[in-house]
Amino acid sequence: MIGFEVLTVHLFSDFMFSQCHWMRVRRQTLSSVCALHSVLYSLPLLAMAPVWGIPVWVVALIAIQHFLQDRYVKMDKVLIRMGKGEYVQPPYSPWSVILFDQILHMLWIVLVFRLIP
């Protein structure tokens, strides 16, 4: 099941491979830092794309969404707008914000894979 592998690569890439403290604190204020994070994030998926038969445009869609969400979407503000402001405060935060961010990334990945013929 390719979807599971891609989600696993997403988690690995987003946390272990493409991000350090320097990037994490600057990616929402500097497009160049977020672009670097998104490119590094997409490299493992791009490497596995030929093996798994994933078109390059799918990797591009995932990387573009990753950039847009990480650069411009403030998850804590989204949760507050949704009426879930308690989740941006301790004891839930920061893990609730991180989890919400990851869920949105993964929903996009699932949606993109549903579009593949």
C-alpha atoms as a PDB file:
ATOM      1  CA  MET A   1       0.000   0.000   0.000  1.00  0.00           C
ATOM      2  CA  ILE A   2       1.823   3.056  -1.291  1.00  0.00           C
ATOM      3  CA  GLY A   3      -0.225   5.540   0.768  1.00  0.00           C
ATOM      4  CA  PHE A   4       1.132   4.161   4.040  1.00  0.00           C
ATOM      5  CA  GLU A   5       4.700   4.361   2.777  1.00  0.00           C
ATOM      6  CA  VAL A   6       4.219   7.949   1.649  1.00  0.00           C
ATOM      7  CA  LEU A   7       2.735   8.951   5.008  1.00  0.00           C
ATOM      8  CA  THR A   8       5.684   7.306   6.748  1.00  0.00           C
ATOM      9  CA  VAL A   9       8.141   9.149   4.493  1.00  0.00           C
ATOM     10  CA  HIS A  10       6.220  12.363   5.253  1.00  0.00           C
ATOM     11  CA  LEU A  11       6.702  11.955   8.999  1.00  0.00           C
ATOM     12  CA  PHE A  12      10.354  11.012   8.625  1.00  0.00           C
ATOM     13  CA  SER A  13      11.028  13.888   6.249  1.00  0.00           C
ATOM     14  CA  ASP A  14       9.148  16.525   8.193  1.00  0.00           C
ATOM     15  CA  PHE A  15      10.695  15.767  11.576  1.00  0.00           C
ATOM     16  CA  MET A  16      13.986  13.938  11.130  1.00  0.00           C
ATOM     17  CA  PHE A  17      15.365  14.792   7.725  1.00  0.00           C
ATOM     18  CA  SER A  18      14.475  18.331   6.767  1.00  0.00           C
ATOM     19  CA  GLN A  19      14.203  20.356   9.888  1.00  0.00           C
ATOM     20  CA  CYS A  20      16.462  21.719  12.546  1.00  0.00           C
ATOM     21  CA  HIS A  21      15.726  24.277  15.238  1.00  0.00           C
ATOM     22  CA  TRP A  22      17.023  27.073  13.006  1.00  0.00           C
ATOM     23  CA  MET A  23      14.562  26.147  10.251  1.00  0.00           C
ATOM     24  CA  ARG A  24      11.645  25.566  12.582  1.00  0.00           C
ATOM     25  CA  VAL A  25      11.810  29.044  14.100  1.00  0.00           C
ATOM     26  CA  ARG A  26      12.355  30.849  10.777  1.00  0.00           C
ATOM     27  CA  ARG A  27      10.192  29.029   8.242  1.00  0.00           C
ATOM     28  CA  GLN A  28       7.043  31.031   9.035  1.00  0.00           C
ATOM     29  CA  THR A  29       8.812  34.354   8.620  1.00  0.00           C
ATOM     30  CA  LEU A  30      11.244  33.713   5.752  1.00  0.00           C
ATOM     31  CA  SER A  31      10.061  32.183   2.486  1.00  0.00           C
ATOM     32  CA  SER A  32      13.601  31.146   1.577  1.00  0.00           C
ATOM     33  CA  VAL A  33      13.938  29.076   4.755  1.00  0.00           C
ATOM     34  CA  CYS A  34      10.526  27.493   4.243  1.00  0.00           C
ATOM     35  CA  ALA A  35      11.404  26.747   0.595  1.00  0.00           C
ATOM     36  CA  LEU A  36      14.627  25.064   1.702  1.00  0.00           C
ATOM     37  CA  HIS A  37      12.680  23.025   4.264  1.00  0.00           C
ATOM     38  CA  SER A  38      10.115  22.028   1.612  1.00  0.00           C
ATOM     39  CA  VAL A  39      12.790  20.995  -0.903  1.00  0.00           C
ATOM     40  CA  LEU A  40      14.661  18.935   1.701  1.00  0.00           C
ATOM     41  CA  TYR A  41      11.337  17.498   2.874  1.00  0.00           C
ATOM     42  CA  SER A  42      10.456  16.337  -0.644  1.00  0.00           C
ATOM     43  CA  LEU A  43      13.813  14.702  -1.484  1.00  0.00           C
ATOM     44  CA  PRO A  44      13.094  11.285   0.141  1.00  0.00           C
ATOM     45  CA  LEU A  45       9.698  11.125  -1.550  1.00  0.00           C
ATOM     46  CA  LEU A  46      11.240  12.184  -4.847  1.00  0.00           C
ATOM     47  CA  ALA A  47      13.872   9.455  -4.467  1.00  0.00           C
ATOM     48  CA  MET A  48      11.211   6.806  -3.871  1.00  0.00           C
ATOM     49  CA  ALA A  49       8.790   8.073  -6.536  1.00  0.00           C
ATOM     50  CA  PRO A  50      10.232   5.945  -9.386  1.00  0.00           C
ATOM     51  CA  VAL A  51      10.305   2.847  -7.177  1.00  0.00           C
ATOM     52  CA  TRP A  52       6.689   3.307  -6.118  1.00  0.00           C
ATOM     53  CA  GLY A  53       5.489   4.523  -9.520  1.00  0.00           C
ATOM     54  CA  ILE A  54       4.511   7.966  -8.234  1.00  0.00           C
ATOM     55  CA  PRO A  55       4.436  10.701 -10.876  1.00  0.00           C
ATOM     56  CA  VAL A  56       6.720  13.680 -10.244  1.00  0.00           C
ATOM     57  CA  TRP A  57       3.722  16.035 -10.402  1.00  0.00           C
ATOM     58  CA  VAL A  58       2.328  14.285  -7.310  1.00  0.00           C
ATOM     59  CA  VAL A  59       5.553  14.957  -5.403  1.00  0.00           C
ATOM     60  CA  ALA A  60       5.388  18.574  -6.618  1.00  0.00           C
ATOM     61  CA  LEU A  61       1.795  18.974  -5.383  1.00  0.00           C
ATOM     62  CA  ILE A  62       2.735  17.586  -1.976  1.00  0.00           C
ATOM     63  CA  ALA A  63       5.826  19.825  -1.730  1.00  0.00           C
ATOM     64  CA  ILE A  64       3.925  22.964  -2.796  1.00  0.00           C
ATOM     65  CA  GLN A  65       1.173  22.357  -0.248  1.00  0.00           C
ATOM     66  CA  HIS A  66       3.811  21.666   2.388  1.00  0.00           C
ATOM     67  CA  PHE A  67       5.473  25.009   1.655  1.00  0.00           C
ATOM     68  CA  LEU A  68       2.198  26.954   1.661  1.00  0.00           C
ATOM     69  CA  GLN A  69       0.936  25.422   4.892  1.00  0.00           C
ATOM     70  CA  ASP A  70       4.232  25.718   6.758  1.00  0.00           C
ATOM     71  CA  ARG A  71       4.907  29.264   5.569  1.00  0.00           C
ATOM     72  CA  TYR A  72       1.507  30.903   5.765  1.00  0.00           C
ATOM     73  CA  VAL A  73      -0.851  28.920   8.007  1.00  0.00           C
ATOM     74  CA  LYS A  74      -0.584  29.634  11.726  1.00  0.00           C
ATOM     75  CA  MET A  75      -2.106  26.508  13.248  1.00  0.00           C
ATOM     76  CA  ASP A  76      -2.713  28.082  16.642  1.00  0.00           C
ATOM     77  CA  LYS A  77      -4.763  30.849  15.019  1.00  0.00           C
ATOM     78  CA  VAL A  78      -6.731  28.289  12.977  1.00  0.00           C
ATOM     79  CA  LEU A  79      -7.584  26.347  16.131  1.00  0.00           C
ATOM     80  CA  ILE A  80      -8.708  29.560  17.863  1.00  0.00           C
ATOM     81  CA  ARG A  81     -10.903  30.494  14.863  1.00  0.00           C
ATOM     82  CA  MET A  82     -12.430  27.018  15.018  1.00  0.00           C
ATOM     83  CA  GLY A  83     -13.417  27.650  18.633  1.00  0.00           C
ATOM     84  CA  LYS A  84     -10.741  25.295  19.961  1.00  0.00           C
ATOM     85  CA  GLY A  85      -8.580  27.912  21.678  1.00  0.00           C
ATOM     86  CA  GLU A  86      -8.094  25.713  24.735  1.00  0.00           C
ATOM     87  CA  TYR A  87      -5.888  23.462  22.589  1.00  0.00           C
ATOM     88  CA  VAL A  88      -3.306  26.195  22.048  1.00  0.00           C
ATOM     89  CA  GLN A  89      -2.718  26.465  25.813  1.00  0.00           C
ATOM     90  CA  PRO A  90      -1.018  24.054  28.205  1.00  0.00           C
ATOM     91  CA  PRO A  91      -1.400  21.211  28.891  1.00  0.00           C
ATOM     92  CA  TYR A  92      -2.440  20.510  25.271  1.00  0.00           C
ATOM     93  CA  SER A  93      -0.029  22.823  23.500  1.00  0.00           C
ATOM     94  CA  PRO A  94       2.364  22.502  21.714  1.00  0.00           C
ATOM     95  CA  TRP A  95       1.523  18.886  20.832  1.00  0.00           C
ATOM     96  CA  SER A  96      -2.066  19.622  19.865  1.00  0.00           C
ATOM     97  CA  VAL A  97      -0.892  22.279  17.391  1.00  0.00           C
ATOM     98  CA  ILE A  98       1.760  19.944  15.954  1.00  0.00           C
ATOM     99  CA  LEU A  99      -0.772  17.121  15.646  1.00  0.00           C
ATOM    100  CA  PHE A 100      -3.309  19.374  13.908  1.00  0.00           C
ATOM    101  CA  ASP A 101      -0.605  20.543  11.478  1.00  0.00           C
ATOM    102  CA  GLN A 102       0.370  16.948  10.685  1.00  0.00           C
ATOM    103  CA  ILE A 103      -3.245  15.887  10.204  1.00  0.00           C
ATOM    104  CA  LEU A 104      -3.745  18.623   7.610  1.00  0.00           C
ATOM    105  CA  HIS A 105      -0.550  17.631   5.771  1.00  0.00           C
ATOM    106  CA  MET A 106      -1.626  13.982   5.756  1.00  0.00           C
ATOM    107  CA  LEU A 107      -5.167  14.778   4.610  1.00  0.00           C
ATOM    108  CA  TRP A 108      -3.661  16.592   1.631  1.00  0.00           C
ATOM    109  CA  ILE A 109      -1.433  13.618   0.835  1.00  0.00           C
ATOM    110  CA  VAL A 110      -4.416  11.259   0.982  1.00  0.00           C
ATOM    111  CA  LEU A 111      -6.455  13.595  -1.240  1.00  0.00           C
ATOM    112  CA  VAL A 112      -3.661  13.813  -3.815  1.00  0.00           C
ATOM    113  CA  PHE A 113      -3.331  10.041  -3.893  1.00  0.00           C
ATOM    114  CA  ARG A 114      -7.075   9.689  -4.412  1.00  0.00           C
ATOM    115  CA  LEU A 115      -6.660  11.835  -7.561  1.00  0.00           C
ATOM    116  CA  ILE A 116      -4.024   9.567  -9.105  1.00  0.00           C
ATOM    117  CA  PRO A 117      -5.598   7.466 -11.852  1.00  0.00           C
END
